[in-house]
């Protein structure tokens, strides 16, 4: 794949912000759980093993970066992944690191050229 460096340069800041958010394990797990569908705070806190307070802090950061969107349902706030682009990056990470069918190269090794 050949990259258009000029185009990448124009988008690099947005890409770096997304990657920075995903570099935090807690935020990554929050977003991965939300890929399965919209969730309220309590079930999401249980799913990711965080206190509601800690989760709320991470969700606030994700909202500021526009990576999650919200919807009020009565007294609850429900969260979901905000864009197809974020979902695609998360799905790619899942495929690379979690899919048992996917062939992976052990960390630190480089795949041999065909």
C-alpha atoms as a PDB file:
ATOM      1  CA  UNK A   1       0.000   0.000   0.000  1.00  0.00           C
ATOM      2  CA  UNK A   2       1.386   3.376  -0.996  1.00  0.00           C
ATOM      3  CA  UNK A   3       0.562   6.267   1.340  1.00  0.00           C
ATOM      4  CA  UNK A   4      -0.202   9.806   0.211  1.00  0.00           C
ATOM      5  CA  UNK A   5       2.079  11.647   2.649  1.00  0.00           C
ATOM      6  CA  UNK A   6       0.544  15.077   1.939  1.00  0.00           C
ATOM      7  CA  UNK A   7      -2.898  13.734   2.761  1.00  0.00           C
ATOM      8  CA  UNK A   8      -1.548  12.010   5.869  1.00  0.00           C
ATOM      9  CA  UNK A   9       0.092  15.267   6.971  1.00  0.00           C
ATOM     10  CA  UNK A  10      -3.296  17.010   6.850  1.00  0.00           C
ATOM     11  CA  UNK A  11      -4.891  14.251   8.959  1.00  0.00           C
ATOM     12  CA  UNK A  12      -1.998  13.409  11.269  1.00  0.00           C
ATOM     13  CA  UNK A  13      -3.232  15.493  14.209  1.00  0.00           C
ATOM     14  CA  UNK A  14      -6.624  13.752  14.255  1.00  0.00           C
ATOM     15  CA  UNK A  15      -5.005  10.342  13.897  1.00  0.00           C
ATOM     16  CA  UNK A  16      -2.547  11.108  16.710  1.00  0.00           C
ATOM     17  CA  UNK A  17      -5.392  12.185  19.019  1.00  0.00           C
ATOM     18  CA  UNK A  18      -7.268   8.948  18.358  1.00  0.00           C
ATOM     19  CA  UNK A  19      -4.166   6.831  18.898  1.00  0.00           C
ATOM     20  CA  UNK A  20      -3.385   8.727  22.097  1.00  0.00           C
ATOM     21  CA  UNK A  21      -6.853   7.931  23.449  1.00  0.00           C
ATOM     22  CA  UNK A  22      -6.488   4.276  22.483  1.00  0.00           C
ATOM     23  CA  UNK A  23      -3.060   4.084  24.139  1.00  0.00           C
ATOM     24  CA  UNK A  24      -4.783   4.077  27.543  1.00  0.00           C
ATOM     25  CA  UNK A  25      -5.899   0.519  28.432  1.00  0.00           C
ATOM     26  CA  UNK A  26      -8.995   1.691  30.324  1.00  0.00           C
ATOM     27  CA  UNK A  27     -10.205   3.886  27.467  1.00  0.00           C
ATOM     28  CA  UNK A  28      -9.474   1.126  24.975  1.00  0.00           C
ATOM     29  CA  UNK A  29     -11.547  -1.364  26.991  1.00  0.00           C
ATOM     30  CA  UNK A  30     -14.382   1.151  27.370  1.00  0.00           C
ATOM     31  CA  UNK A  31     -14.520   1.700  23.618  1.00  0.00           C
ATOM     32  CA  UNK A  32     -14.267  -2.019  22.866  1.00  0.00           C
ATOM     33  CA  UNK A  33     -17.206  -2.742  25.177  1.00  0.00           C
ATOM     34  CA  UNK A  34     -19.214  -0.001  23.481  1.00  0.00           C
ATOM     35  CA  UNK A  35     -18.606  -1.635  20.098  1.00  0.00           C
ATOM     36  CA  UNK A  36     -21.100  -4.284  21.200  1.00  0.00           C
ATOM     37  CA  UNK A  37     -23.744  -1.590  21.627  1.00  0.00           C
ATOM     38  CA  UNK A  38     -24.850   1.349  23.701  1.00  0.00           C
ATOM     39  CA  UNK A  39     -24.380   1.006  27.467  1.00  0.00           C
ATOM     40  CA  UNK A  40     -25.322   2.912  30.613  1.00  0.00           C
ATOM     41  CA  UNK A  41     -22.615   3.805  33.137  1.00  0.00           C
ATOM     42  CA  UNK A  42     -23.300   1.070  35.744  1.00  0.00           C
ATOM     43  CA  UNK A  43     -23.203  -1.919  33.369  1.00  0.00           C
ATOM     44  CA  UNK A  44     -20.204  -0.405  31.581  1.00  0.00           C
ATOM     45  CA  UNK A  45     -18.363   0.068  34.901  1.00  0.00           C
ATOM     46  CA  UNK A  46     -18.986  -3.596  35.743  1.00  0.00           C
ATOM     47  CA  UNK A  47     -17.882  -4.738  32.285  1.00  0.00           C
ATOM     48  CA  UNK A  48     -14.559  -2.887  32.431  1.00  0.00           C
ATOM     49  CA  UNK A  49     -13.949  -3.431  36.160  1.00  0.00           C
ATOM     50  CA  UNK A  50     -13.779   0.243  37.105  1.00  0.00           C
ATOM     51  CA  UNK A  51     -15.509   2.336  39.738  1.00  0.00           C
ATOM     52  CA  UNK A  52     -18.213   4.631  38.399  1.00  0.00           C
ATOM     53  CA  UNK A  53     -16.090   7.617  39.402  1.00  0.00           C
ATOM     54  CA  UNK A  54     -13.017   6.427  37.488  1.00  0.00           C
ATOM     55  CA  UNK A  55     -15.170   5.435  34.523  1.00  0.00           C
ATOM     56  CA  UNK A  56     -16.849   8.845  34.451  1.00  0.00           C
ATOM     57  CA  UNK A  57     -13.442  10.534  34.271  1.00  0.00           C
ATOM     58  CA  UNK A  58     -12.425   8.384  31.313  1.00  0.00           C
ATOM     59  CA  UNK A  59     -15.779   8.875  29.585  1.00  0.00           C
ATOM     60  CA  UNK A  60     -15.395  12.651  29.976  1.00  0.00           C
ATOM     61  CA  UNK A  61     -12.050  12.463  28.172  1.00  0.00           C
ATOM     62  CA  UNK A  62     -13.568  10.335  25.415  1.00  0.00           C
ATOM     63  CA  UNK A  63     -16.449  12.804  25.045  1.00  0.00           C
ATOM     64  CA  UNK A  64     -14.028  15.733  24.742  1.00  0.00           C
ATOM     65  CA  UNK A  65     -12.268  13.889  21.936  1.00  0.00           C
ATOM     66  CA  UNK A  66     -15.650  13.101  20.359  1.00  0.00           C
ATOM     67  CA  UNK A  67     -14.957   9.367  20.454  1.00  0.00           C
ATOM     68  CA  UNK A  68     -18.177   8.560  22.315  1.00  0.00           C
ATOM     69  CA  UNK A  69     -21.651   9.995  21.978  1.00  0.00           C
ATOM     70  CA  UNK A  70     -24.380  10.091  24.603  1.00  0.00           C
ATOM     71  CA  UNK A  71     -28.116   9.704  24.843  1.00  0.00           C
ATOM     72  CA  UNK A  72     -30.210  10.380  27.930  1.00  0.00           C
ATOM     73  CA  UNK A  73     -32.692   7.672  28.909  1.00  0.00           C
ATOM     74  CA  UNK A  74     -34.643   8.877  31.931  1.00  0.00           C
ATOM     75  CA  UNK A  75     -32.019   9.582  34.591  1.00  0.00           C
ATOM     76  CA  UNK A  76     -29.315   7.521  32.883  1.00  0.00           C
ATOM     77  CA  UNK A  77     -26.771   8.523  30.282  1.00  0.00           C
ATOM     78  CA  UNK A  78     -26.106   5.877  27.655  1.00  0.00           C
ATOM     79  CA  UNK A  79     -22.806   5.866  25.768  1.00  0.00           C
ATOM     80  CA  UNK A  80     -21.921   4.568  22.318  1.00  0.00           C
ATOM     81  CA  UNK A  81     -18.960   4.725  19.920  1.00  0.00           C
ATOM     82  CA  UNK A  82     -19.345   8.024  18.079  1.00  0.00           C
ATOM     83  CA  UNK A  83     -18.167   7.192  14.573  1.00  0.00           C
ATOM     84  CA  UNK A  84     -17.700   4.444  12.049  1.00  0.00           C
ATOM     85  CA  UNK A  85     -14.027   5.411  11.788  1.00  0.00           C
ATOM     86  CA  UNK A  86     -13.410   4.736  15.493  1.00  0.00           C
ATOM     87  CA  UNK A  87     -15.320   1.452  15.225  1.00  0.00           C
ATOM     88  CA  UNK A  88     -13.191   0.444  12.234  1.00  0.00           C
ATOM     89  CA  UNK A  89      -9.924   1.125  14.098  1.00  0.00           C
ATOM     90  CA  UNK A  90     -11.176  -0.876  17.102  1.00  0.00           C
ATOM     91  CA  UNK A  91     -12.263  -3.748  14.861  1.00  0.00           C
ATOM     92  CA  UNK A  92      -8.824  -3.754  13.231  1.00  0.00           C
ATOM     93  CA  UNK A  93      -7.121  -3.868  16.641  1.00  0.00           C
ATOM     94  CA  UNK A  94      -9.390  -6.744  17.655  1.00  0.00           C
ATOM     95  CA  UNK A  95      -8.619  -8.638  14.472  1.00  0.00           C
ATOM     96  CA  UNK A  96      -4.860  -8.113  14.897  1.00  0.00           C
ATOM     97  CA  UNK A  97      -4.598  -8.869  18.618  1.00  0.00           C
ATOM     98  CA  UNK A  98      -7.598 -10.989  19.625  1.00  0.00           C
ATOM     99  CA  UNK A  99      -8.835 -13.027  16.660  1.00  0.00           C
ATOM    100  CA  UNK A 100      -7.595 -16.612  17.159  1.00  0.00           C
ATOM    101  CA  UNK A 101      -7.730 -17.243  13.404  1.00  0.00           C
ATOM    102  CA  UNK A 102      -5.527 -14.243  12.583  1.00  0.00           C
ATOM    103  CA  UNK A 103      -1.862 -15.158  12.235  1.00  0.00           C
ATOM    104  CA  UNK A 104       0.186 -12.842  14.401  1.00  0.00           C
ATOM    105  CA  UNK A 105       3.885 -12.215  14.650  1.00  0.00           C
ATOM    106  CA  UNK A 106       5.261 -12.353  18.217  1.00  0.00           C
ATOM    107  CA  UNK A 107       6.074  -8.931  19.656  1.00  0.00           C
ATOM    108  CA  UNK A 108       9.525  -7.741  18.636  1.00  0.00           C
ATOM    109  CA  UNK A 109       9.729  -9.964  15.549  1.00  0.00           C
ATOM    110  CA  UNK A 110       9.276  -8.879  11.969  1.00  0.00           C
ATOM    111  CA  UNK A 111       7.426 -11.059   9.500  1.00  0.00           C
ATOM    112  CA  UNK A 112       9.625 -12.427   6.722  1.00  0.00           C
ATOM    113  CA  UNK A 113       9.013 -10.930   3.310  1.00  0.00           C
ATOM    114  CA  UNK A 114       7.294 -13.285   0.873  1.00  0.00           C
END
